[in-house]
Structures are given as structure tokens and as C-alpha cells.
Amino acid sequence: MRFDYDDIIDLPRPKSKHEPMPMSDRAAQFSPFAALTGYEDAIDETARLTDARVELAESAVEELERRLNDLAARISERPEITVAYFVPDTRKEGGAYVTHTGALKRIDEVERELVFEDGTRVGKDEAAWIDRKEVERE
């Protein structure tokens, strides 16, 4: 019985006129190709951690209100304060707690915001704690 390739099946493998390409170059020729565009970004976004918003206890809310009232009474002094507040994440659930230190310019009751001299605005409802920097008086 005779098959189609019997005449060439036992011939030696042909040799190329060119030197073989190094293995590192072979892999590099495929590196610009991304079969799943955006996949790496999606993985990075999923791996990015956010904090959950903490619900303040009633005593903490009362303390925060007391400090805000004290600041409102001394607003003309431009008190230097540090406030920690929650910033919601725009792309996924949760967010991050951020602190800001600066001179308090005013408390906007209409917008419910603390307005600092540097233009930073912090929502009163976002504040977790406020610490007033005590200035030594001579």
C-alpha cells in the first residue's frame, strides 16, 4: 500500500539559511499584542482597596456637634483645626478617610460645609472627627 507522502517522510529536516532567532526575541515580538484590552485595568481596579464608611456612635456625633458649636463661636479667630472626613470613591463602593489641617474661615450652614482659608470645603456630614490646634497665648 502506498501513501501520499511516502517519498518525503524519511527525508532530513531542511536547514534555514538564517541563524535561529534567540528565545528572548521570539517572546518580544508578541508582547505588544493584548488580546483582552482593558483586562489589566479591570484587575487593578478590582484589587484597589477602599474603606467602608463608619457610622458614628451617638456620643461621637454629640462630641462633633459640640466642637462645631465651639468653632462657630470662635470663627473670628480663624482657628487652626484638623478634620478627618470621608471621601466617597467615584468608581466603586466605599471611599477613603482623609485629613485636612488649616485655618477655618467659616461654617456654611446652608451648604453644611466647613470652609477653610485655602478654599478647601468639607461637608459637615462627612466629618468623622475635628481636632482644634491649641495656640499658646502669651
Protein backbone atom coordinates (compact mmCIF):
# COMPACT_ATOMS: atom_id res chain seq x y z
CA MET A 1 0.00 0.00 0.00
CA ARG A 2 1.33 3.42 -0.94
CA PHE A 3 0.57 6.76 0.83
CA ASP A 4 0.80 10.33 -0.47
CA TYR A 5 3.93 11.33 1.45
CA ASP A 6 5.94 8.14 1.47
CA ASP A 7 8.58 9.70 -0.77
CA ILE A 8 9.44 12.54 1.67
CA ILE A 9 8.53 11.20 5.09
CA ASP A 10 12.06 9.97 5.90
CA LEU A 11 13.98 12.94 4.46
CA PRO A 12 16.06 15.06 6.89
CA ARG A 13 14.56 18.33 8.10
CA PRO A 14 15.52 21.28 5.87
CA LYS A 15 18.05 23.74 7.30
CA SER A 16 17.43 27.50 7.12
CA LYS A 17 19.97 29.85 5.57
CA HIS A 18 19.41 32.21 8.56
CA GLU A 19 20.57 31.95 12.16
CA PRO A 20 17.78 30.96 14.54
CA MET A 21 16.17 33.84 16.44
CA PRO A 22 17.08 33.97 20.16
CA MET A 23 14.26 32.91 22.50
CA SER A 24 14.09 36.37 24.15
CA ASP A 25 13.42 37.99 20.75
CA ARG A 26 10.77 35.42 19.89
CA ALA A 27 8.78 36.31 23.00
CA ALA A 28 9.26 40.05 22.45
CA GLN A 29 7.62 40.00 19.05
CA PHE A 30 4.28 39.13 20.67
CA SER A 31 4.46 41.48 23.68
CA PRO A 32 2.65 44.48 22.08
CA PHE A 33 -0.38 42.31 21.40
CA ALA A 34 -3.08 42.44 24.08
CA ALA A 35 -5.89 40.02 23.39
CA LEU A 36 -8.07 41.41 26.19
CA THR A 37 -7.81 45.18 26.07
CA GLY A 38 -8.77 46.73 29.40
CA TYR A 39 -8.44 43.46 31.29
CA GLU A 40 -5.39 44.61 33.27
CA ASP A 41 -7.16 47.86 34.20
CA ALA A 42 -10.19 45.90 35.39
CA ILE A 43 -7.99 43.65 37.52
CA ASP A 44 -6.17 46.67 39.00
CA GLU A 45 -9.48 48.38 39.78
CA THR A 46 -10.82 45.27 41.50
CA ALA A 47 -7.66 44.96 43.57
CA ARG A 48 -7.78 48.63 44.66
CA LEU A 49 -8.98 48.77 48.26
CA THR A 50 -11.50 51.21 49.65
CA ASP A 51 -12.64 51.84 53.20
CA ALA A 52 -16.20 51.43 54.34
CA ARG A 53 -17.88 54.48 55.80
CA VAL A 54 -18.06 54.21 59.58
CA GLU A 55 -21.35 55.09 61.24
CA LEU A 56 -20.51 57.29 64.23
CA ALA A 57 -21.85 56.40 67.65
CA GLU A 58 -24.32 58.84 69.20
CA SER A 59 -21.72 60.05 71.71
CA ALA A 60 -19.25 60.76 68.87
CA VAL A 61 -21.91 62.72 66.96
CA GLU A 62 -22.65 64.78 70.09
CA GLU A 63 -18.92 65.48 70.59
CA LEU A 64 -18.60 66.53 66.95
CA GLU A 65 -21.56 68.91 67.29
CA ARG A 66 -20.09 70.35 70.48
CA ARG A 67 -16.79 71.04 68.73
CA LEU A 68 -18.57 72.60 65.74
CA ASN A 69 -20.53 74.91 68.06
CA ASP A 70 -17.29 75.88 69.83
CA LEU A 71 -15.65 76.62 66.46
CA ALA A 72 -18.65 78.67 65.34
CA ALA A 73 -18.34 80.82 68.47
CA ARG A 74 -14.62 81.43 67.74
CA ILE A 75 -14.77 81.71 63.95
CA SER A 76 -13.42 85.29 64.02
CA GLU A 77 -10.15 83.91 65.45
CA ARG A 78 -9.69 81.75 62.33
CA PRO A 79 -8.96 78.64 64.44
CA GLU A 80 -6.46 76.14 63.11
CA ILE A 81 -8.14 72.73 63.01
CA THR A 82 -7.56 69.24 61.70
CA VAL A 83 -10.61 67.43 60.37
CA ALA A 84 -10.87 63.80 59.26
CA TYR A 85 -13.60 63.23 56.73
CA PHE A 86 -14.88 60.57 54.37
CA VAL A 87 -14.44 60.98 50.61
CA PRO A 88 -16.65 58.57 48.64
CA ASP A 89 -14.98 56.72 45.76
CA THR A 90 -16.34 57.72 42.35
CA ARG A 91 -15.80 54.29 40.74
CA LYS A 92 -16.72 51.73 43.36
CA GLU A 93 -18.40 51.28 46.71
CA GLY A 94 -16.61 52.74 49.72
CA GLY A 95 -14.05 55.51 49.81
CA ALA A 96 -11.22 56.83 51.94
CA TYR A 97 -10.79 58.84 55.10
CA VAL A 98 -8.70 61.97 54.52
CA THR A 99 -7.41 64.59 56.94
CA HIS A 100 -7.05 68.28 56.29
CA THR A 101 -5.39 70.86 58.51
CA GLY A 102 -5.90 74.56 58.05
CA ALA A 103 -7.41 77.80 59.29
CA LEU A 104 -11.20 77.66 59.38
CA LYS A 105 -12.70 80.61 57.52
CA ARG A 106 -16.40 79.95 58.10
CA ILE A 107 -19.06 77.33 58.66
CA ASP A 108 -21.59 77.40 55.83
CA GLU A 109 -24.88 76.28 57.39
CA VAL A 110 -26.79 76.39 54.08
CA GLU A 111 -24.38 74.01 52.29
CA ARG A 112 -23.47 72.31 55.60
CA GLU A 113 -19.74 72.74 54.94
CA LEU A 114 -16.61 73.79 56.76
CA VAL A 115 -14.81 76.34 54.58
CA PHE A 116 -11.05 76.77 55.05
CA GLU A 117 -8.96 79.80 54.12
CA ASP A 118 -7.18 77.76 51.42
CA GLY A 119 -10.54 77.11 49.71
CA THR A 120 -10.97 73.53 50.89
CA ARG A 121 -14.57 72.61 51.65
CA VAL A 122 -15.51 69.70 53.89
CA GLY A 123 -19.09 68.54 54.34
CA LYS A 124 -20.20 68.59 57.95
CA ASP A 125 -21.93 65.26 57.37
CA GLU A 126 -18.69 63.74 56.06
CA ALA A 127 -16.61 64.76 59.11
CA ALA A 128 -15.61 61.93 61.43
CA TRP A 129 -13.63 63.99 63.96
CA ILE A 130 -12.31 67.51 64.45
CA ASP A 131 -9.28 68.48 66.48
CA ARG A 132 -8.52 72.10 67.26
CA LYS A 133 -4.88 73.05 67.43
CA GLU A 134 -4.40 74.98 70.63
CA VAL A 135 -2.32 78.09 70.13
CA GLU A 136 -0.24 79.20 73.08
CA ARG A 137 -1.15 82.72 74.16
CA GLU A 138 1.45 84.97 75.68
